[in-house]
């Protein structure tokens, strides 16, 4: 009762605490999203996805060879087809979870990439078909399914390679931009230092002339042509990027 009276007497304090808690939760959610976004866009994760896709390709090909009776009948009646089928379902389930996480992390940005939307649709359709035909083993039940799966495998591998190259190029471009900004900052510091040195030299010259010392070698100031050269060299790079 006493605690309730304290809260009733000081509602501003309660509002401040609630605002702080909400802001802390928002910061945590943003940090989690940023971490997941960095993970999903990393080269290691794309290499992992491509590896999983290649493994799944071997599973599907092995399952198809068993369904077409390429091997002996004894191998066809073993548990190998069921194991391969459920392994493929498990991998599809992993990709379905990865697609859901990707949608939750990127949100509206995810639907701006048509290839990602196509990939997500193929994952969902493939998972549904795998679950529907999980008890129907045989080549006649997997013809339509394999067409979709092949399209998805090719799309996944191409997407993984393209995204890896793209992310590597973007990281390299960001690194070059940071180096360029650091070089420009260092150049500005040296220019300011040179300007201060020139002013000091000019004051010393005036002091020497004031004391009657006129035997001073004139110093030629170089023309600022380096800045123009830098700008001319940067324009083709910007056009290429």
Protein backbone atom coordinates (compact mmCIF):
# COMPACT_ATOMS: atom_id res chain seq x y z
CA UNK A 1 0.00 0.00 0.00
CA UNK A 2 2.84 2.36 0.84
CA UNK A 3 4.52 1.57 -2.50
CA UNK A 4 1.26 2.28 -4.31
CA UNK A 5 0.99 5.65 -2.57
CA UNK A 6 4.56 6.49 -3.63
CA UNK A 7 3.78 5.63 -7.23
CA UNK A 8 0.54 7.60 -7.05
CA UNK A 9 2.33 10.62 -5.58
CA UNK A 10 5.16 10.60 -8.14
CA UNK A 11 3.73 9.60 -11.58
CA UNK A 12 6.50 11.48 -13.42
CA UNK A 13 9.12 9.15 -12.01
CA UNK A 14 7.13 6.14 -13.20
CA UNK A 15 6.83 7.62 -16.70
CA UNK A 16 10.56 8.33 -16.81
CA UNK A 17 11.37 4.76 -15.78
CA UNK A 18 8.98 3.35 -18.37
CA UNK A 19 10.48 5.56 -21.09
CA UNK A 20 13.98 4.42 -20.13
CA UNK A 21 12.93 0.77 -20.22
CA UNK A 22 11.28 1.18 -23.63
CA UNK A 23 14.34 2.98 -25.02
CA UNK A 24 16.61 0.23 -23.67
CA UNK A 25 14.42 -2.44 -25.30
CA UNK A 26 14.44 -0.55 -28.60
CA UNK A 27 18.24 -0.24 -28.51
CA UNK A 28 18.54 -3.96 -27.79
CA UNK A 29 16.20 -4.86 -30.66
CA UNK A 30 18.08 -2.57 -33.07
CA UNK A 31 21.38 -4.06 -31.96
CA UNK A 32 20.04 -7.59 -32.46
CA UNK A 33 18.75 -6.71 -35.94
CA UNK A 34 22.07 -5.14 -36.88
CA UNK A 35 23.96 -8.21 -35.66
CA UNK A 36 21.66 -10.54 -37.61
CA UNK A 37 21.91 -8.34 -40.70
CA UNK A 38 25.70 -8.42 -40.48
CA UNK A 39 25.60 -12.22 -40.08
CA UNK A 40 23.24 -12.76 -43.03
CA UNK A 41 25.37 -10.54 -45.27
CA UNK A 42 28.73 -11.99 -44.28
CA UNK A 43 30.83 -14.01 -46.72
CA UNK A 44 31.17 -16.92 -44.30
CA UNK A 45 27.39 -17.31 -44.03
CA UNK A 46 26.96 -17.30 -47.83
CA UNK A 47 29.71 -19.89 -48.18
CA UNK A 48 27.90 -21.98 -45.56
CA UNK A 49 24.62 -21.66 -47.51
CA UNK A 50 26.27 -22.70 -50.77
CA UNK A 51 27.83 -25.71 -48.99
CA UNK A 52 24.42 -26.76 -47.64
CA UNK A 53 22.90 -26.38 -51.12
CA UNK A 54 25.60 -28.57 -52.67
CA UNK A 55 25.02 -31.23 -49.99
CA UNK A 56 21.28 -31.07 -50.67
CA UNK A 57 21.95 -31.48 -54.40
CA UNK A 58 23.79 -34.74 -53.71
CA UNK A 59 20.91 -35.88 -51.51
CA UNK A 60 18.32 -35.16 -54.21
CA UNK A 61 20.39 -36.84 -56.93
CA UNK A 62 20.93 -39.90 -54.73
CA UNK A 63 17.23 -40.04 -53.92
CA UNK A 64 16.33 -39.79 -57.61
CA UNK A 65 18.77 -42.57 -58.54
CA UNK A 66 17.20 -44.81 -55.91
CA UNK A 67 13.69 -43.97 -57.15
CA UNK A 68 14.68 -44.81 -60.73
CA UNK A 69 16.04 -48.22 -59.61
CA UNK A 70 19.56 -47.42 -60.81
CA UNK A 71 20.94 -49.39 -57.89
CA UNK A 72 19.95 -52.91 -56.84
CA UNK A 73 16.47 -53.66 -55.55
CA UNK A 74 17.88 -54.49 -52.14
CA UNK A 75 19.19 -50.92 -51.84
CA UNK A 76 15.81 -49.57 -52.94
CA UNK A 77 13.96 -51.43 -50.17
CA UNK A 78 16.30 -50.25 -47.41
CA UNK A 79 15.82 -47.19 -45.25
CA UNK A 80 18.20 -45.15 -47.46
CA UNK A 81 15.42 -43.45 -49.51
CA UNK A 82 13.57 -42.43 -46.35
CA UNK A 83 16.77 -41.13 -44.73
CA UNK A 84 17.67 -39.09 -47.81
CA UNK A 85 14.12 -37.76 -48.10
CA UNK A 86 13.93 -36.63 -44.49
CA UNK A 87 17.42 -35.12 -44.67
CA UNK A 88 16.24 -33.08 -47.64
CA UNK A 89 13.16 -31.99 -45.66
CA UNK A 90 15.41 -30.98 -42.77
CA UNK A 91 17.61 -28.85 -45.04
CA UNK A 92 14.52 -27.26 -46.59
CA UNK A 93 13.25 -26.53 -43.08
CA UNK A 94 16.54 -24.80 -42.29
CA UNK A 95 16.22 -22.65 -45.41
CA UNK A 96 12.60 -21.87 -44.52
CA UNK A 97 13.69 -20.64 -41.08
CA UNK A 98 16.51 -18.66 -42.69
CA UNK A 99 14.00 -17.03 -45.06
CA UNK A 100 11.68 -16.08 -42.18
CA UNK A 101 14.59 -14.59 -40.22
CA UNK A 102 15.74 -12.70 -43.31
CA UNK A 103 12.24 -11.22 -43.77
CA UNK A 104 12.08 -10.21 -40.09
CA UNK A 105 15.52 -8.59 -40.24
CA UNK A 106 15.31 -6.76 -43.57
CA UNK A 107 11.51 -6.21 -43.54
CA UNK A 108 10.42 -4.02 -46.48
CA UNK A 109 13.94 -3.98 -47.89
CA UNK A 110 13.68 -7.74 -48.46
CA UNK A 111 10.80 -7.35 -50.94
CA UNK A 112 12.75 -4.83 -53.03
CA UNK A 113 15.02 -7.64 -54.26
CA UNK A 114 13.08 -9.75 -56.77
CA UNK A 115 15.60 -12.56 -56.70
CA UNK A 116 15.28 -12.90 -52.92
CA UNK A 117 11.46 -12.96 -53.18
CA UNK A 118 11.66 -15.62 -55.89
CA UNK A 119 14.05 -17.65 -53.77
CA UNK A 120 11.74 -17.39 -50.74
CA UNK A 121 8.72 -18.49 -52.82
CA UNK A 122 10.62 -21.50 -54.18
CA UNK A 123 11.75 -22.47 -50.66
CA UNK A 124 8.17 -22.39 -49.35
CA UNK A 125 6.76 -24.33 -52.33
CA UNK A 126 9.57 -26.90 -52.17
CA UNK A 127 9.07 -27.43 -48.45
CA UNK A 128 5.31 -27.90 -48.87
CA UNK A 129 5.78 -30.36 -51.73
CA UNK A 130 8.42 -32.30 -49.80
CA UNK A 131 6.08 -32.62 -46.82
CA UNK A 132 3.11 -33.60 -49.02
CA UNK A 133 5.09 -36.29 -50.88
CA UNK A 134 7.07 -37.52 -47.88
CA UNK A 135 5.26 -40.89 -47.97
CA UNK A 136 5.09 -41.11 -51.77
CA UNK A 137 8.41 -42.44 -52.92
CA UNK A 138 8.94 -43.04 -56.61
CA UNK A 139 9.84 -41.20 -59.80
CA UNK A 140 6.21 -40.59 -60.77
CA UNK A 141 5.56 -38.56 -57.60
CA UNK A 142 8.70 -36.42 -57.80
CA UNK A 143 8.79 -35.18 -61.40
CA UNK A 144 7.23 -31.78 -60.74
CA UNK A 145 9.04 -31.48 -57.43
CA UNK A 146 12.46 -32.06 -58.96
CA UNK A 147 11.92 -29.34 -61.57
CA UNK A 148 11.29 -26.80 -58.81
CA UNK A 149 14.16 -28.12 -56.73
CA UNK A 150 16.62 -27.89 -59.62
CA UNK A 151 15.58 -24.32 -60.30
CA UNK A 152 16.01 -23.53 -56.64
CA UNK A 153 19.44 -25.21 -56.41
CA UNK A 154 20.75 -23.27 -59.40
CA UNK A 155 19.23 -20.03 -58.11
CA UNK A 156 20.64 -20.59 -54.64
CA UNK A 157 24.17 -21.25 -55.89
CA UNK A 158 24.11 -18.28 -58.28
CA UNK A 159 22.66 -16.04 -55.58
CA UNK A 160 25.27 -17.15 -53.06
CA UNK A 161 28.16 -16.51 -55.44
CA UNK A 162 26.76 -13.17 -56.62
CA UNK A 163 26.08 -11.97 -53.08
CA UNK A 164 29.54 -13.03 -51.92
CA UNK A 165 31.22 -11.14 -54.76
CA UNK A 166 28.95 -8.13 -54.24
CA UNK A 167 29.58 -7.97 -50.49
CA UNK A 168 33.33 -8.39 -51.01
CA UNK A 169 33.31 -5.54 -53.54
CA UNK A 170 31.23 -3.31 -51.24
CA UNK A 171 33.56 -3.97 -48.30
CA UNK A 172 36.58 -3.21 -50.48
CA UNK A 173 34.93 0.00 -51.68
CA UNK A 174 34.14 1.06 -48.11
CA UNK A 175 37.73 0.35 -47.08
CA UNK A 176 39.05 2.44 -49.98
CA UNK A 177 36.68 5.26 -49.06
CA UNK A 178 37.88 5.21 -45.45
CA UNK A 179 41.50 5.29 -46.62
CA UNK A 180 40.70 8.16 -48.95
CA UNK A 181 38.98 10.13 -46.18
CA UNK A 182 41.91 9.50 -43.84
CA UNK A 183 44.36 10.63 -46.55
CA UNK A 184 42.31 13.78 -47.18
CA UNK A 185 42.25 14.58 -43.46
CA UNK A 186 46.00 14.06 -43.22
CA UNK A 187 46.52 16.21 -46.32
CA UNK A 188 44.44 19.01 -44.79
CA UNK A 189 46.53 18.87 -41.60
CA UNK A 190 49.77 19.14 -43.58
CA UNK A 191 48.33 22.01 -45.63
CA UNK A 192 47.43 23.88 -42.46
CA UNK A 193 50.89 23.14 -41.10
CA UNK A 194 52.52 24.41 -44.31
CA UNK A 195 50.39 27.56 -44.20
CA UNK A 196 51.48 28.22 -40.62
CA UNK A 197 55.12 27.62 -41.61
CA UNK A 198 54.82 30.05 -44.52
CA UNK A 199 53.40 32.73 -42.22
CA UNK A 200 56.22 32.17 -39.75
CA UNK A 201 58.83 32.36 -42.53
CA UNK A 202 57.27 35.58 -43.81
CA UNK A 203 57.44 37.11 -40.34
CA UNK A 204 61.11 36.08 -40.05
CA UNK A 205 61.82 37.67 -43.46
CA UNK A 206 60.21 40.90 -42.34
CA UNK A 207 62.26 40.79 -39.15
CA UNK A 208 65.48 40.29 -41.13
CA UNK A 209 64.66 43.17 -43.48
CA UNK A 210 63.84 45.33 -40.48
CA UNK A 211 67.33 44.72 -39.09
CA UNK A 212 68.98 45.53 -42.41
CA UNK A 213 69.63 42.01 -43.65
CA UNK A 214 68.55 41.99 -47.28
CA UNK A 215 70.62 39.08 -48.62
CA UNK A 216 67.69 36.68 -48.59
CA UNK A 217 67.11 34.02 -51.22
CA UNK A 218 63.58 34.23 -52.58
CA UNK A 219 61.49 31.11 -52.12
CA UNK A 220 59.32 30.03 -55.01
CA UNK A 221 55.88 28.79 -53.97
CA UNK A 222 54.80 25.81 -56.09
CA UNK A 223 51.53 26.04 -57.95
CA UNK A 224 48.68 23.89 -56.57
CA UNK A 225 48.40 21.50 -59.52
CA UNK A 226 48.33 18.30 -57.43
CA UNK A 227 44.72 18.87 -56.35
CA UNK A 228 43.61 19.18 -59.97
CA UNK A 229 45.40 15.94 -60.85
CA UNK A 230 43.72 14.14 -57.96
CA UNK A 231 40.28 15.30 -59.09
CA UNK A 232 40.96 14.26 -62.69
CA UNK A 233 42.08 10.80 -61.55
CA UNK A 234 39.07 10.29 -59.28
CA UNK A 235 36.42 11.00 -61.91
CA UNK A 236 36.99 7.82 -63.98
CA UNK A 237 36.82 5.73 -60.79
CA UNK A 238 33.48 7.28 -59.86
CA UNK A 239 32.15 6.67 -63.36
CA UNK A 240 33.16 3.02 -63.22
CA UNK A 241 31.59 2.50 -59.79
